[in-house]
Amino acid sequence: MRCEICGKTTVFGNKVAHNRMYIAGRTPKKIKPNLHRMTVEGPGGKKRMTLCTRCMRTMRKQEKDLG
């Protein structure tokens, strides 16, 4: 899944296990974006899009400033 505005998608990293003074091991992990389906009104009418919460927040703020 991917945000249709900013393109934010899943990233990969490592979980790092610590055992007191040293690193005990690393395990792969996925970090997923917080995506939601939202109806967005544009020049061509209403459109249903998959957006991350950061883009949803920005859009709400822009609407508030305009209206």
PDB file of N, CA and C in Angstrom:
ATOM      1  N   MET A   1       0.839  -1.178   0.000  1.00  0.00           N
ATOM      2  CA  MET A   1       0.000   0.000   0.000  1.00  0.00           C
ATOM      3  C   MET A   1       0.889   1.248   0.000  1.00  0.00           C
ATOM      4  N   ARG A   2       0.311   2.321  -0.530  1.00  0.00           N
ATOM      5  CA  ARG A   2       1.076   3.545  -0.709  1.00  0.00           C
ATOM      6  C   ARG A   2       0.133   4.737  -0.652  1.00  0.00           C
ATOM      7  N   CYS A   3       0.584   5.830  -0.063  1.00  0.00           N
ATOM      8  CA  CYS A   3      -0.184   7.069  -0.035  1.00  0.00           C
ATOM      9  C   CYS A   3      -0.205   7.644  -1.447  1.00  0.00           C
ATOM     10  N   GLU A   4      -1.396   8.028  -1.927  1.00  0.00           N
ATOM     11  CA  GLU A   4      -1.523   8.499  -3.303  1.00  0.00           C
ATOM     12  C   GLU A   4      -1.051   9.943  -3.478  1.00  0.00           C
ATOM     13  N   ILE A   5      -0.790  10.664  -2.388  1.00  0.00           N
ATOM     14  CA  ILE A   5      -0.315  12.047  -2.498  1.00  0.00           C
ATOM     15  C   ILE A   5       1.202  12.114  -2.329  1.00  0.00           C
ATOM     16  N   CYS A   6       1.715  11.627  -1.208  1.00  0.00           N
ATOM     17  CA  CYS A   6       3.155  11.772  -0.935  1.00  0.00           C
ATOM     18  C   CYS A   6       3.963  10.541  -1.321  1.00  0.00           C
ATOM     19  N   GLY A   7       3.302   9.390  -1.541  1.00  0.00           N
ATOM     20  CA  GLY A   7       4.022   8.183  -1.947  1.00  0.00           C
ATOM     21  C   GLY A   7       4.639   7.410  -0.793  1.00  0.00           C
ATOM     22  N   LYS A   8       4.247   7.745   0.433  1.00  0.00           N
ATOM     23  CA  LYS A   8       4.789   7.048   1.600  1.00  0.00           C
ATOM     24  C   LYS A   8       4.417   5.564   1.526  1.00  0.00           C
ATOM     25  N   THR A   9       5.369   4.683   1.795  1.00  0.00           N
ATOM     26  CA  THR A   9       5.146   3.244   1.693  1.00  0.00           C
ATOM     27  C   THR A   9       5.886   2.516   2.821  1.00  0.00           C
ATOM     28  N   THR A  10       5.798   1.201   2.840  1.00  0.00           N
ATOM     29  CA  THR A  10       6.450   0.391   3.866  1.00  0.00           C
ATOM     30  C   THR A  10       7.968   0.512   3.776  1.00  0.00           C
ATOM     31  N   VAL A  11       8.610   0.660   4.939  1.00  0.00           N
ATOM     32  CA  VAL A  11      10.072   0.670   4.989  1.00  0.00           C
ATOM     33  C   VAL A  11      10.532  -0.496   5.868  1.00  0.00           C
ATOM     34  N   PHE A  12      11.768  -0.912   5.684  1.00  0.00           N
ATOM     35  CA  PHE A  12      12.308  -2.054   6.400  1.00  0.00           C
ATOM     36  C   PHE A  12      13.465  -1.622   7.276  1.00  0.00           C
ATOM     37  N   GLY A  13      13.576  -2.276   8.429  1.00  0.00           N
ATOM     38  CA  GLY A  13      14.652  -1.959   9.354  1.00  0.00           C
ATOM     39  C   GLY A  13      14.978  -3.174  10.201  1.00  0.00           C
ATOM     40  N   ASN A  14      15.639  -2.948  11.323  1.00  0.00           N
ATOM     41  CA  ASN A  14      16.021  -4.025  12.231  1.00  0.00           C
ATOM     42  C   ASN A  14      15.533  -3.748  13.636  1.00  0.00           C
ATOM     43  N   LYS A  15      15.018  -4.788  14.308  1.00  0.00           N
ATOM     44  CA  LYS A  15      14.793  -4.723  15.743  1.00  0.00           C
ATOM     45  C   LYS A  15      16.121  -5.103  16.378  1.00  0.00           C
ATOM     46  N   VAL A  16      16.594  -4.293  17.300  1.00  0.00           N
ATOM     47  CA  VAL A  16      17.883  -4.553  17.925  1.00  0.00           C
ATOM     48  C   VAL A  16      17.645  -4.981  19.365  1.00  0.00           C
ATOM     49  N   ALA A  17      18.045  -6.213  19.689  1.00  0.00           N
ATOM     50  CA  ALA A  17      17.897  -6.746  21.044  1.00  0.00           C
ATOM     51  C   ALA A  17      19.131  -6.382  21.859  1.00  0.00           C
ATOM     52  N   HIS A  18      18.903  -5.743  23.006  1.00  0.00           N
ATOM     53  CA  HIS A  18      20.009  -5.344  23.875  1.00  0.00           C
ATOM     54  C   HIS A  18      20.041  -6.247  25.099  1.00  0.00           C
ATOM     55  N   ASN A  19      21.242  -6.698  25.455  1.00  0.00           N
ATOM     56  CA  ASN A  19      21.431  -7.523  26.627  1.00  0.00           C
ATOM     57  C   ASN A  19      22.490  -6.838  27.498  1.00  0.00           C
ATOM     58  N   ARG A  20      22.014  -5.973  28.385  1.00  0.00           N
ATOM     59  CA  ARG A  20      22.865  -5.152  29.238  1.00  0.00           C
ATOM     60  C   ARG A  20      23.827  -4.287  28.451  1.00  0.00           C
ATOM     61  N   MET A  21      25.075  -4.692  28.307  1.00  0.00           N
ATOM     62  CA  MET A  21      26.102  -3.838  27.724  1.00  0.00           C
ATOM     63  C   MET A  21      26.334  -4.065  26.229  1.00  0.00           C
ATOM     64  N   TYR A  22      25.744  -5.093  25.650  1.00  0.00           N
ATOM     65  CA  TYR A  22      26.046  -5.383  24.255  1.00  0.00           C
ATOM     66  C   TYR A  22      24.779  -5.710  23.471  1.00  0.00           C
ATOM     67  N   ILE A  23      24.894  -5.685  22.153  1.00  0.00           N
ATOM     68  CA  ILE A  23      23.761  -5.996  21.279  1.00  0.00           C
ATOM     69  C   ILE A  23      23.701  -7.508  21.113  1.00  0.00           C
ATOM     70  N   ALA A  24      22.526  -8.078  21.438  1.00  0.00           N
ATOM     71  CA  ALA A  24      22.380  -9.534  21.445  1.00  0.00           C
ATOM     72  C   ALA A  24      21.995 -10.080  20.076  1.00  0.00           C
ATOM     73  N   GLY A  25      21.343  -9.275  19.257  1.00  0.00           N
ATOM     74  CA  GLY A  25      20.956  -9.767  17.934  1.00  0.00           C
ATOM     75  C   GLY A  25      20.073  -8.771  17.214  1.00  0.00           C
ATOM     76  N   ARG A  26      19.889  -9.002  15.943  1.00  0.00           N
ATOM     77  CA  ARG A  26      19.046  -8.142  15.121  1.00  0.00           C
ATOM     78  C   ARG A  26      18.051  -9.002  14.366  1.00  0.00           C
ATOM     79  N   THR A  27      16.812  -8.546  14.304  1.00  0.00           N
ATOM     80  CA  THR A  27      15.748  -9.245  13.602  1.00  0.00           C
ATOM     81  C   THR A  27      15.107  -8.268  12.622  1.00  0.00           C
ATOM     82  N   PRO A  28      14.831  -8.692  11.391  1.00  0.00           N
ATOM     83  CA  PRO A  28      14.208  -7.763  10.452  1.00  0.00           C
ATOM     84  C   PRO A  28      12.787  -7.393  10.869  1.00  0.00           C
ATOM     85  N   LYS A  29      12.377  -6.145  10.564  1.00  0.00           N
ATOM     86  CA  LYS A  29      11.015  -5.709  10.864  1.00  0.00           C
ATOM     87  C   LYS A  29      10.517  -4.787   9.760  1.00  0.00           C
ATOM     88  N   LYS A  30       9.201  -4.695   9.631  1.00  0.00           N
ATOM     89  CA  LYS A  30       8.555  -3.796   8.677  1.00  0.00           C
ATOM     90  C   LYS A  30       7.942  -2.646   9.448  1.00  0.00           C
ATOM     91  N   ILE A  31       8.064  -1.437   8.916  1.00  0.00           N
ATOM     92  CA  ILE A  31       7.419  -0.271   9.501  1.00  0.00           C
ATOM     93  C   ILE A  31       6.419   0.224   8.469  1.00  0.00           C
ATOM     94  N   LYS A  32       5.123   0.086   8.787  1.00  0.00           N
ATOM     95  CA  LYS A  32       4.074   0.416   7.834  1.00  0.00           C
ATOM     96  C   LYS A  32       3.499   1.803   8.104  1.00  0.00           C
ATOM     97  N   PRO A  33       3.140   2.552   7.046  1.00  0.00           N
ATOM     98  CA  PRO A  33       2.522   3.864   7.236  1.00  0.00           C
ATOM     99  C   PRO A  33       1.083   3.711   7.696  1.00  0.00           C
ATOM    100  N   ASN A  34       0.556   4.740   8.346  1.00  0.00           N
ATOM    101  CA  ASN A  34      -0.815   4.748   8.849  1.00  0.00           C
ATOM    102  C   ASN A  34      -1.724   5.248   7.721  1.00  0.00           C
ATOM    103  N   LEU A  35      -2.259   4.309   6.924  1.00  0.00           N
ATOM    104  CA  LEU A  35      -3.045   4.651   5.743  1.00  0.00           C
ATOM    105  C   LEU A  35      -4.541   4.472   5.990  1.00  0.00           C
ATOM    106  N   HIS A  36      -5.331   5.366   5.389  1.00  0.00           N
ATOM    107  CA  HIS A  36      -6.792   5.301   5.479  1.00  0.00           C
ATOM    108  C   HIS A  36      -7.394   5.617   4.119  1.00  0.00           C
ATOM    109  N   ARG A  37      -8.616   5.104   3.883  1.00  0.00           N
ATOM    110  CA  ARG A  37      -9.364   5.438   2.672  1.00  0.00           C
ATOM    111  C   ARG A  37     -10.185   6.683   2.978  1.00  0.00           C
ATOM    112  N   MET A  38     -10.136   7.678   2.068  1.00  0.00           N
ATOM    113  CA  MET A  38     -10.824   8.935   2.310  1.00  0.00           C
ATOM    114  C   MET A  38     -11.398   9.449   0.998  1.00  0.00           C
ATOM    115  N   THR A  39     -12.592  10.020   1.063  1.00  0.00           N
ATOM    116  CA  THR A  39     -13.188  10.633  -0.113  1.00  0.00           C
ATOM    117  C   THR A  39     -12.701  12.073  -0.201  1.00  0.00           C
ATOM    118  N   VAL A  40     -12.082  12.391  -1.335  1.00  0.00           N
ATOM    119  CA  VAL A  40     -11.499  13.715  -1.543  1.00  0.00           C
ATOM    120  C   VAL A  40     -12.258  14.394  -2.676  1.00  0.00           C
ATOM    121  N   GLU A  41     -12.601  15.664  -2.450  1.00  0.00           N
ATOM    122  CA  GLU A  41     -13.303  16.425  -3.479  1.00  0.00           C
ATOM    123  C   GLU A  41     -12.290  17.244  -4.264  1.00  0.00           C
ATOM    124  N   GLY A  42     -12.285  17.055  -5.581  1.00  0.00           N
ATOM    125  CA  GLY A  42     -11.349  17.772  -6.441  1.00  0.00           C
ATOM    126  C   GLY A  42     -12.080  18.448  -7.575  1.00  0.00           C
ATOM    127  N   PRO A  43     -11.334  18.947  -8.557  1.00  0.00           N
ATOM    128  CA  PRO A  43     -11.971  19.637  -9.685  1.00  0.00           C
ATOM    129  C   PRO A  43     -12.833  18.702 -10.536  1.00  0.00           C
ATOM    130  N   GLY A  44     -12.504  17.425 -10.582  1.00  0.00           N
ATOM    131  CA  GLY A  44     -13.269  16.465 -11.378  1.00  0.00           C
ATOM    132  C   GLY A  44     -14.392  15.797 -10.608  1.00  0.00           C
ATOM    133  N   GLY A  45     -14.628  16.192  -9.368  1.00  0.00           N
ATOM    134  CA  GLY A  45     -15.656  15.586  -8.529  1.00  0.00           C
ATOM    135  C   GLY A  45     -15.035  14.831  -7.375  1.00  0.00           C
ATOM    136  N   LYS A  46     -15.854  13.999  -6.735  1.00  0.00           N
ATOM    137  CA  LYS A  46     -15.373  13.231  -5.585  1.00  0.00           C
ATOM    138  C   LYS A  46     -14.585  12.018  -6.045  1.00  0.00           C
ATOM    139  N   LYS A  47     -13.510  11.727  -5.305  1.00  0.00           N
ATOM    140  CA  LYS A  47     -12.656  10.588  -5.621  1.00  0.00           C
ATOM    141  C   LYS A  47     -12.228   9.928  -4.324  1.00  0.00           C
ATOM    142  N   ARG A  48     -12.235   8.607  -4.285  1.00  0.00           N
ATOM    143  CA  ARG A  48     -11.818   7.876  -3.098  1.00  0.00           C
ATOM    144  C   ARG A  48     -10.334   7.563  -3.209  1.00  0.00           C
ATOM    145  N   MET A  49      -9.561   7.989  -2.200  1.00  0.00           N
ATOM    146  CA  MET A  49      -8.113   7.823  -2.243  1.00  0.00           C
ATOM    147  C   MET A  49      -7.594   7.174  -0.973  1.00  0.00           C
ATOM    148  N   THR A  50      -6.431   6.547  -1.079  1.00  0.00           N
ATOM    149  CA  THR A  50      -5.723   6.013   0.079  1.00  0.00           C
ATOM    150  C   THR A  50      -4.679   7.030   0.489  1.00  0.00           C
ATOM    151  N   LEU A  51      -4.819   7.569   1.720  1.00  0.00           N
ATOM    152  CA  LEU A  51      -3.934   8.625   2.189  1.00  0.00           C
ATOM    153  C   LEU A  51      -3.312   8.263   3.528  1.00  0.00           C
ATOM    154  N   CYS A  52      -2.103   8.787   3.777  1.00  0.00           N
ATOM    155  CA  CYS A  52      -1.513   8.658   5.102  1.00  0.00           C
ATOM    156  C   CYS A  52      -2.125   9.738   5.989  1.00  0.00           C
ATOM    157  N   THR A  53      -2.059   9.559   7.281  1.00  0.00           N
ATOM    158  CA  THR A  53      -2.688  10.491   8.213  1.00  0.00           C
ATOM    159  C   THR A  53      -2.039  11.870   8.163  1.00  0.00           C
ATOM    160  N   ARG A  54      -0.772  11.962   7.813  1.00  0.00           N
ATOM    161  CA  ARG A  54      -0.100  13.254   7.698  1.00  0.00           C
ATOM    162  C   ARG A  54      -0.720  14.063   6.560  1.00  0.00           C
ATOM    163  N   CYS A  55      -0.980  13.429   5.420  1.00  0.00           N
ATOM    164  CA  CYS A  55      -1.601  14.125   4.284  1.00  0.00           C
ATOM    165  C   CYS A  55      -3.047  14.499   4.604  1.00  0.00           C
ATOM    166  N   MET A  56      -3.762  13.627   5.329  1.00  0.00           N
ATOM    167  CA  MET A  56      -5.140  13.925   5.719  1.00  0.00           C
ATOM    168  C   MET A  56      -5.165  15.175   6.594  1.00  0.00           C
ATOM    169  N   ARG A  57      -4.236  15.272   7.521  1.00  0.00           N
ATOM    170  CA  ARG A  57      -4.155  16.404   8.442  1.00  0.00           C
ATOM    171  C   ARG A  57      -3.863  17.686   7.674  1.00  0.00           C
ATOM    172  N   THR A  58      -2.908  17.617   6.746  1.00  0.00           N
ATOM    173  CA  THR A  58      -2.543  18.783   5.947  1.00  0.00           C
ATOM    174  C   THR A  58      -3.733  19.263   5.120  1.00  0.00           C
ATOM    175  N   MET A  59      -4.471  18.333   4.519  1.00  0.00           N
ATOM    176  CA  MET A  59      -5.632  18.695   3.708  1.00  0.00           C
ATOM    177  C   MET A  59      -6.705  19.366   4.561  1.00  0.00           C
ATOM    178  N   ARG A  60      -6.946  18.841   5.757  1.00  0.00           N
ATOM    179  CA  ARG A  60      -7.938  19.438   6.659  1.00  0.00           C
ATOM    180  C   ARG A  60      -7.534  20.862   7.038  1.00  0.00           C
ATOM    181  N   LYS A  61      -6.248  21.077   7.283  1.00  0.00           N
ATOM    182  CA  LYS A  61      -5.762  22.410   7.638  1.00  0.00           C
ATOM    183  C   LYS A  61      -5.929  23.384   6.470  1.00  0.00           C
ATOM    184  N   GLN A  62      -5.656  22.928   5.256  1.00  0.00           N
ATOM    185  CA  GLN A  62      -5.790  23.784   4.073  1.00  0.00           C
ATOM    186  C   GLN A  62      -7.259  24.160   3.860  1.00  0.00           C
ATOM    187  N   GLU A  63      -8.183  23.200   4.055  1.00  0.00           N
ATOM    188  CA  GLU A  63      -9.608  23.484   3.920  1.00  0.00           C
ATOM    189  C   GLU A  63     -10.053  24.518   4.953  1.00  0.00           C
ATOM    190  N   LYS A  64      -9.523  24.396   6.165  1.00  0.00           N
ATOM    191  CA  LYS A  64      -9.870  25.311   7.248  1.00  0.00           C
ATOM    192  C   LYS A  64      -9.417  26.739   6.923  1.00  0.00           C
ATOM    193  N   ASP A  65      -8.220  26.876   6.337  1.00  0.00           N
ATOM    194  CA  ASP A  65      -7.689  28.190   5.972  1.00  0.00           C
ATOM    195  C   ASP A  65      -8.487  28.835   4.851  1.00  0.00           C
ATOM    196  N   LEU A  66      -8.954  28.009   3.896  1.00  0.00           N
ATOM    197  CA  LEU A  66      -9.699  28.548   2.757  1.00  0.00           C
ATOM    198  C   LEU A  66     -11.120  28.944   3.127  1.00  0.00           C
ATOM    199  N   GLY A  67     -11.754  28.132   3.953  1.00  0.00           N
ATOM    200  CA  GLY A  67     -13.167  28.372   4.232  1.00  0.00           C
ATOM    201  C   GLY A  67     -13.380  28.826   5.584  1.00  0.00           C
TER     202      GLY A  67
END
